[in-house]
Amino acid sequence: MPCRAAFFSKLETFFINTFQTETLVSKGSWSLSSFRLFVFQCVQNCYSIRMICEVLLPKTSSVLHYPHSPQVSPPPAAPLPAAPLPAAPLPAVPPPPTITLPLPRNSCTSTKPLSIMASAIGVATSHDFQFFAEIIDAFKAAGASAHGDNPQHMQVTPFVNAMTMFLRVFDAFSNPFFSDVVKKDVEGNIKKLRTAAIKHSASTLENVLDEEAKDPKLRKLIKSESGAGAESGTVALLWTKRTMQFVIGLLQQLVDDSKVTLSTASRKSYAASLKYCHNFITKGIFDTGLRFAPSRESFYKNLAGGSDDTSRVTPALAEFLGVFQPQLEGVVAMYKAKNLEPYIK
């Protein structure tokens, strides 16, 4: 069974592509409202693919026809070949190798490699806690690139580099919902922002927004947040901002309250940020995913590089928040001033 978070993120696409939802509705097998209710119940109850198929397959069999499965009698089976002689025993398999990935190169990162096991998921990204100090330094450099200390004037390149480094924090959650779904969403958006900046020769975050606003067609797509795809750095930065508002709210609660659980902090932060931007289905996905958030202790241990001594984590988080929050607030103010954020107040 695939992990719940990865399954949830592709739930609607899975239904449409595999079971041809439109056909079911148009043929009268289900009403659209009934189907939507079924999807929501699947999300809320963490149903597996097998359980969903057991419900949907009887309904699809009478209305669907797949070209690759023609209704013809199968040919006679060929006789089975004689059983082969026993094979010689295989040599012992060596243990899986350690993969070494270089860190992103910029003015704030060291060249010390990051070692992870090929089979590991959501493991700590450093064994000496140095990576978190490098993330803080990267955001300091991004802030220093802004003319007049105005976050709206931050240079795109150092900001993207800092956000790329921050992606490693999602791995510390040791949870597929954060380390796969949320992380990949942020990663995709910062790549789109970089691409848009190159396309429009925009050096700062505000330049990207201003250049795209000159295109009437693109401006209309930005307003609707649909159809822009990889073209729009404005929409990409908007969703990066929204996700980081959620993450910052979560981390701030961990710093302020030593007893709050990660699940509680994440759900409270979601309710104050991303929830306003999501549709009915996505809200259900997030609500379920956040309920499976790992323990605070596990998250802190991963941030500390696997060490049981997590005493440095809260001060480091507080330092990071002190550096990044003013930058995020500047981006928030920029979107409000340009009337590009209709949801999060």
Protein backbone atom coordinates (compact mmCIF):
# COMPACT_ATOMS: atom_id res chain seq x y z
CA MET A 1 0.00 0.00 0.00
CA PRO A 2 1.48 3.39 -0.89
CA CYS A 3 1.96 5.90 1.89
CA ARG A 4 -1.21 7.72 2.88
CA ALA A 5 0.13 11.19 2.17
CA ALA A 6 1.28 10.37 -1.37
CA PHE A 7 -2.04 8.67 -2.03
CA PHE A 8 -4.09 11.56 -0.69
CA SER A 9 -2.22 14.09 -2.83
CA LYS A 10 -3.24 12.20 -5.98
CA LEU A 11 -6.70 11.11 -4.89
CA GLU A 12 -8.78 13.17 -7.31
CA THR A 13 -6.50 12.40 -10.28
CA PHE A 14 -6.55 8.70 -9.42
CA PHE A 15 -10.35 8.60 -9.43
CA ILE A 16 -10.70 10.54 -12.67
CA ASN A 17 -8.04 8.66 -14.63
CA THR A 18 -8.70 5.15 -13.33
CA PHE A 19 -12.46 5.11 -12.89
CA GLN A 20 -13.44 7.89 -15.31
CA THR A 21 -15.48 9.84 -12.80
CA GLU A 22 -17.20 11.95 -15.44
CA THR A 23 -18.51 8.79 -17.10
CA LEU A 24 -19.91 7.47 -13.84
CA VAL A 25 -21.73 10.72 -13.20
CA SER A 26 -22.99 11.20 -16.76
CA LYS A 27 -24.25 7.59 -16.94
CA GLY A 28 -26.23 8.08 -13.76
CA SER A 29 -24.28 5.53 -11.72
CA TRP A 30 -23.62 8.18 -9.07
CA SER A 31 -24.67 11.75 -8.58
CA LEU A 32 -21.85 14.29 -8.46
CA SER A 33 -22.69 15.19 -4.87
CA SER A 34 -22.62 11.52 -3.87
CA PHE A 35 -19.22 11.06 -5.46
CA ARG A 36 -17.80 14.13 -3.71
CA LEU A 37 -19.15 12.87 -0.38
CA PHE A 38 -17.52 9.50 -1.02
CA VAL A 39 -14.15 11.17 -1.72
CA PHE A 40 -14.37 13.17 1.48
CA GLN A 41 -15.23 10.08 3.52
CA CYS A 42 -12.23 8.28 2.02
CA VAL A 43 -9.95 11.10 3.11
CA GLN A 44 -11.43 11.36 6.58
CA ASN A 45 -11.21 7.62 7.23
CA CYS A 46 -7.81 6.97 5.61
CA TYR A 47 -9.23 4.27 3.33
CA SER A 48 -6.75 2.23 1.34
CA ILE A 49 -6.78 1.91 -2.45
CA ARG A 50 -8.05 -1.67 -2.11
CA MET A 51 -11.06 -0.59 -0.04
CA ILE A 52 -11.91 2.18 -2.50
CA CYS A 53 -11.63 -0.18 -5.47
CA GLU A 54 -14.02 -2.62 -3.80
CA VAL A 55 -16.62 0.15 -3.75
CA LEU A 56 -15.96 1.64 -7.18
CA LEU A 57 -15.27 -1.40 -9.37
CA PRO A 58 -18.84 -2.78 -9.28
CA LYS A 59 -20.12 0.63 -10.32
CA THR A 60 -17.62 1.00 -13.15
CA SER A 61 -17.99 -2.46 -14.66
CA SER A 62 -21.36 -1.69 -16.28
CA VAL A 63 -20.49 1.69 -17.77
CA LEU A 64 -16.79 1.62 -18.61
CA HIS A 65 -14.98 0.00 -21.50
CA TYR A 66 -11.20 0.00 -21.74
CA PRO A 67 -9.60 -0.28 -25.21
CA HIS A 68 -6.77 -2.37 -23.80
CA SER A 69 -9.22 -4.96 -22.42
CA PRO A 70 -11.30 -6.17 -25.45
CA GLN A 71 -14.21 -8.47 -24.78
CA VAL A 72 -12.89 -11.56 -26.62
CA SER A 73 -12.24 -15.12 -25.56
CA PRO A 74 -8.62 -15.75 -24.59
CA PRO A 75 -6.55 -18.17 -26.75
CA PRO A 76 -5.80 -21.66 -25.41
CA ALA A 77 -3.01 -21.67 -22.89
CA ALA A 78 0.34 -23.02 -24.08
CA PRO A 79 1.71 -26.09 -22.27
CA LEU A 80 4.01 -25.30 -19.40
CA PRO A 81 7.74 -25.89 -20.05
CA ALA A 82 9.65 -28.45 -18.06
CA ALA A 83 10.89 -27.24 -14.71
CA PRO A 84 14.49 -25.99 -14.92
CA LEU A 85 17.27 -27.43 -12.83
CA PRO A 86 17.88 -25.72 -9.49
CA ALA A 87 20.01 -22.63 -9.92
CA ALA A 88 23.33 -22.21 -8.18
CA PRO A 89 23.11 -20.16 -4.98
CA LEU A 90 23.57 -16.44 -5.47
CA PRO A 91 26.54 -14.70 -3.86
CA ALA A 92 25.90 -12.67 -0.72
CA VAL A 93 24.39 -9.25 -1.43
CA PRO A 94 26.49 -6.37 -0.06
CA PRO A 95 24.76 -3.78 2.15
CA PRO A 96 23.15 -0.80 0.36
CA PRO A 97 25.70 1.92 -0.42
CA THR A 98 25.68 5.31 1.18
CA ILE A 99 24.77 8.03 -1.32
CA THR A 100 26.61 11.32 -0.99
CA LEU A 101 24.76 14.40 -2.20
CA PRO A 102 26.57 17.75 -2.46
CA LEU A 103 24.97 20.71 -0.73
CA PRO A 104 23.74 23.61 -2.89
CA ARG A 105 26.62 25.96 -3.60
CA ASN A 106 26.23 29.60 -2.68
CA SER A 107 28.00 32.18 -0.56
CA CYS A 108 26.52 30.79 2.67
CA THR A 109 26.89 27.05 2.38
CA SER A 110 29.87 24.89 3.06
CA THR A 111 30.97 22.15 0.68
CA LYS A 112 30.64 19.46 3.34
CA PRO A 113 28.64 16.58 1.76
CA LEU A 114 25.31 15.39 3.09
CA SER A 115 25.25 11.59 3.57
CA ILE A 116 22.00 9.66 3.54
CA MET A 117 21.18 5.99 3.12
CA ALA A 118 19.50 5.03 -0.14
CA SER A 119 16.60 3.39 1.66
CA ALA A 120 16.03 6.14 4.26
CA ILE A 121 12.92 8.32 4.27
CA GLY A 122 12.68 11.54 6.24
CA VAL A 123 15.97 11.01 8.07
CA ALA A 124 17.90 13.78 9.76
CA THR A 125 19.84 15.77 7.19
CA SER A 126 23.01 16.34 9.22
CA HIS A 127 24.82 14.72 12.11
CA ASP A 128 26.21 17.88 13.67
CA PHE A 129 23.33 20.39 13.48
CA GLN A 130 25.48 22.56 11.21
CA PHE A 131 22.94 22.47 8.40
CA PHE A 132 20.46 24.57 10.40
CA ALA A 133 23.06 27.26 11.03
CA GLU A 134 23.72 27.30 7.28
CA ILE A 135 20.00 27.80 6.60
CA ILE A 136 19.95 30.79 8.95
CA ASP A 137 23.04 32.25 7.25
CA ALA A 138 21.41 31.75 3.83
CA PHE A 139 18.33 33.76 4.83
CA LYS A 140 20.55 36.44 6.34
CA ALA A 141 22.27 36.72 2.96
CA ALA A 142 18.89 36.89 1.21
CA GLY A 143 17.84 39.72 3.49
CA ALA A 144 21.14 41.52 3.00
CA SER A 145 20.58 41.47 -0.77
CA ALA A 146 17.50 43.71 -0.39
CA HIS A 147 18.02 47.36 -1.23
CA GLY A 148 17.18 49.54 1.76
CA ASP A 149 16.42 46.47 3.91
CA ASN A 150 13.06 46.15 2.12
CA PRO A 151 12.19 42.43 1.74
CA GLN A 152 10.27 43.22 -1.45
CA HIS A 153 13.62 44.13 -3.00
CA MET A 154 15.31 40.85 -2.09
CA GLN A 155 17.31 39.39 -4.94
CA VAL A 156 15.67 36.30 -6.44
CA THR A 157 18.82 34.15 -6.52
CA PRO A 158 19.78 34.31 -2.82
CA PHE A 159 16.12 33.96 -1.81
CA VAL A 160 15.69 30.84 -3.96
CA ASN A 161 18.97 29.44 -2.63
CA ALA A 162 17.82 29.97 0.96
CA MET A 163 14.43 28.38 0.29
CA THR A 164 16.14 25.43 -1.40
CA MET A 165 18.24 24.87 1.71
CA PHE A 166 15.14 25.15 3.92
CA LEU A 167 13.60 22.18 2.10
CA ARG A 168 15.82 19.93 4.23
CA VAL A 169 13.83 20.95 7.31
CA PHE A 170 10.79 19.14 5.89
CA ASP A 171 12.77 15.88 5.99
CA ALA A 172 13.16 16.31 9.76
CA PHE A 173 9.42 15.76 10.18
CA SER A 174 10.02 12.07 9.29
CA ASN A 175 6.51 12.03 7.86
CA PRO A 176 5.59 11.55 4.18
CA PHE A 177 2.96 14.29 4.34
CA PHE A 178 5.63 16.89 5.14
CA SER A 179 8.71 15.32 3.54
CA ASP A 180 6.91 14.40 0.32
CA VAL A 181 3.68 16.34 -0.28
CA VAL A 182 4.44 19.73 1.31
CA LYS A 183 8.14 19.69 0.46
CA LYS A 184 7.57 18.87 -3.21
CA ASP A 185 4.96 21.61 -3.49
CA VAL A 186 7.38 24.23 -2.15
CA GLU A 187 10.22 22.85 -4.26
CA GLY A 188 8.13 23.08 -7.42
CA ASN A 189 7.10 26.66 -6.68
CA ILE A 190 10.62 27.95 -6.05
CA LYS A 191 11.73 26.37 -9.33
CA LYS A 192 8.90 28.19 -11.11
CA LEU A 193 9.95 31.44 -9.45
CA ARG A 194 13.53 31.00 -10.64
CA THR A 195 12.35 30.20 -14.18
CA ALA A 196 10.10 33.27 -14.28
CA ALA A 197 12.89 35.53 -13.03
CA ILE A 198 15.19 34.31 -15.80
CA LYS A 199 12.47 34.65 -18.43
CA HIS A 200 11.67 38.26 -17.51
CA SER A 201 15.25 39.23 -16.56
CA ALA A 202 13.90 40.17 -13.12
CA SER A 203 16.49 40.54 -10.39
CA THR A 204 14.22 41.06 -7.36
CA LEU A 205 11.01 39.50 -6.09
CA GLU A 206 9.05 42.67 -6.79
CA ASN A 207 10.52 42.84 -10.31
CA VAL A 208 9.01 39.42 -11.06
CA LEU A 209 5.54 40.60 -10.02
CA ASP A 210 5.83 43.90 -11.88
CA GLU A 211 7.09 42.31 -15.10
CA GLU A 212 4.33 39.70 -15.17
CA ALA A 213 1.70 42.35 -14.44
CA LYS A 214 2.56 43.99 -17.78
CA ASP A 215 1.12 41.01 -19.67
CA PRO A 216 -2.72 41.37 -19.69
CA LYS A 217 -3.30 37.68 -20.35
CA LEU A 218 -0.90 36.58 -17.64
CA ARG A 219 -2.31 39.15 -15.24
CA LYS A 220 -5.77 37.65 -15.68
CA LEU A 221 -4.43 34.16 -15.02
CA ILE A 222 -2.63 35.40 -11.91
CA LYS A 223 -5.84 36.89 -10.56
CA SER A 224 -7.64 33.58 -10.97
CA GLU A 225 -4.59 31.54 -9.85
CA SER A 226 -5.39 29.06 -12.60
CA GLY A 227 -3.92 28.17 -15.94
CA ALA A 228 -0.69 30.09 -15.39
CA GLY A 229 1.29 26.96 -14.61
CA ALA A 230 5.04 27.26 -14.98
CA GLU A 231 4.66 30.67 -16.61
CA SER A 232 3.81 32.57 -13.47
CA GLY A 233 6.44 33.36 -10.88
CA THR A 234 3.83 35.53 -9.17
CA VAL A 235 1.57 32.57 -8.43
CA ALA A 236 4.57 30.42 -7.48
CA LEU A 237 5.80 32.99 -4.94
CA LEU A 238 2.23 33.45 -3.69
CA TRP A 239 1.94 29.76 -2.80
CA THR A 240 5.46 29.72 -1.38
CA LYS A 241 4.41 32.62 0.86
CA ARG A 242 1.24 30.83 1.94
CA THR A 243 3.01 27.59 2.77
CA MET A 244 5.74 29.39 4.70
CA GLN A 245 3.08 31.30 6.66
CA PHE A 246 1.80 27.89 7.72
CA VAL A 247 5.30 26.61 8.55
CA ILE A 248 6.33 29.75 10.44
CA GLY A 249 3.13 29.66 12.49
CA LEU A 250 3.87 26.05 13.37
CA LEU A 251 7.48 26.72 14.39
CA GLN A 252 6.50 29.80 16.38
CA GLN A 253 4.14 27.73 18.52
CA LEU A 254 6.93 25.22 19.22
CA VAL A 255 9.18 28.06 20.37
CA ASP A 256 6.50 29.75 22.49
CA ASP A 257 5.07 26.63 24.14
CA SER A 258 7.39 23.82 25.22
CA LYS A 259 4.45 21.45 25.78
CA VAL A 260 2.45 21.87 22.57
CA THR A 261 2.47 18.81 20.31
CA LEU A 262 3.51 19.01 16.68
CA SER A 263 0.08 17.79 15.55
CA THR A 264 -1.75 20.46 17.56
CA ALA A 265 0.62 23.23 16.47
CA SER A 266 0.39 22.26 12.80
CA ARG A 267 -3.43 22.10 12.79
CA LYS A 268 -3.73 25.47 14.55
CA SER A 269 -1.32 27.06 12.10
CA TYR A 270 -3.11 25.50 9.13
CA ALA A 271 -6.45 26.87 10.35
CA ALA A 272 -4.95 30.38 10.43
CA SER A 273 -3.26 30.25 7.03
CA LEU A 274 -3.52 27.68 4.24
CA LYS A 275 -7.02 26.56 5.15
CA TYR A 276 -8.43 29.81 3.74
CA CYS A 277 -6.89 29.00 0.34
CA HIS A 278 -7.92 25.36 -0.03
CA ASN A 279 -11.04 23.77 -1.45
CA PHE A 280 -13.22 21.26 0.35
CA ILE A 281 -11.25 18.19 -0.74
CA THR A 282 -7.82 19.66 0.01
CA LYS A 283 -8.94 20.76 3.46
CA GLY A 284 -9.89 17.16 4.22
CA ILE A 285 -6.54 15.91 2.94
CA PHE A 286 -4.60 18.36 5.10
CA ASP A 287 -6.73 17.73 8.16
CA THR A 288 -6.06 14.02 7.92
CA GLY A 289 -2.37 14.41 7.06
CA LEU A 290 -1.70 16.77 9.96
CA ARG A 291 -3.32 14.37 12.42
CA PHE A 292 -0.52 11.95 11.58
CA ALA A 293 2.22 14.47 12.33
CA PRO A 294 5.16 12.93 14.22
CA SER A 295 5.96 13.65 17.83
CA ARG A 296 7.64 16.88 18.81
CA GLU A 297 10.51 14.86 20.30
CA SER A 298 11.13 13.02 17.02
CA PHE A 299 11.13 16.28 15.06
CA TYR A 300 13.57 17.92 17.48
CA LYS A 301 15.86 14.89 17.46
CA ASN A 302 16.02 14.94 13.66
CA LEU A 303 16.76 18.67 13.65
CA ALA A 304 19.57 17.93 16.12
CA GLY A 305 21.07 15.48 13.65
CA GLY A 306 19.91 12.37 15.49
CA SER A 307 21.35 13.46 18.81
CA ASP A 308 19.40 13.01 22.03
CA ASP A 309 20.65 16.45 23.11
CA THR A 310 17.99 18.75 21.63
CA SER A 311 18.69 21.71 23.90
CA ARG A 312 19.98 23.79 20.98
CA VAL A 313 16.93 23.29 18.77
CA THR A 314 14.52 25.81 20.30
CA PRO A 315 17.13 28.64 20.41
CA ALA A 316 18.04 27.87 16.78
CA LEU A 317 14.37 27.94 15.73
CA ALA A 318 13.95 31.27 17.54
CA GLU A 319 16.98 32.68 15.72
CA PHE A 320 15.64 31.48 12.38
CA LEU A 321 12.24 33.04 13.05
CA GLY A 322 13.91 36.31 13.97
CA VAL A 323 15.68 36.36 10.60
CA PHE A 324 12.95 35.04 8.30
CA GLN A 325 9.75 36.45 9.78
CA PRO A 326 10.51 40.08 8.75
CA GLN A 327 11.30 38.84 5.24
CA LEU A 328 8.05 36.89 5.05
CA GLU A 329 6.09 39.85 6.40
CA GLY A 330 7.59 41.99 3.65
CA VAL A 331 6.44 39.54 0.98
CA VAL A 332 3.00 39.38 2.62
CA ALA A 333 2.77 43.18 2.57
CA MET A 334 3.82 43.25 -1.10
CA TYR A 335 1.02 40.90 -2.13
CA LYS A 336 -1.54 42.81 -0.10
CA ALA A 337 -0.42 46.13 -1.59
CA LYS A 338 -0.76 44.73 -5.10
CA ASN A 339 -4.14 43.15 -4.24
CA LEU A 340 -2.89 39.67 -5.09
CA GLU A 341 -3.83 37.84 -1.87
CA PRO A 342 -7.60 37.47 -1.51
CA TYR A 343 -7.62 34.78 1.17
CA ILE A 344 -5.09 35.07 4.02
CA LYS A 345 -5.57 38.35 5.90
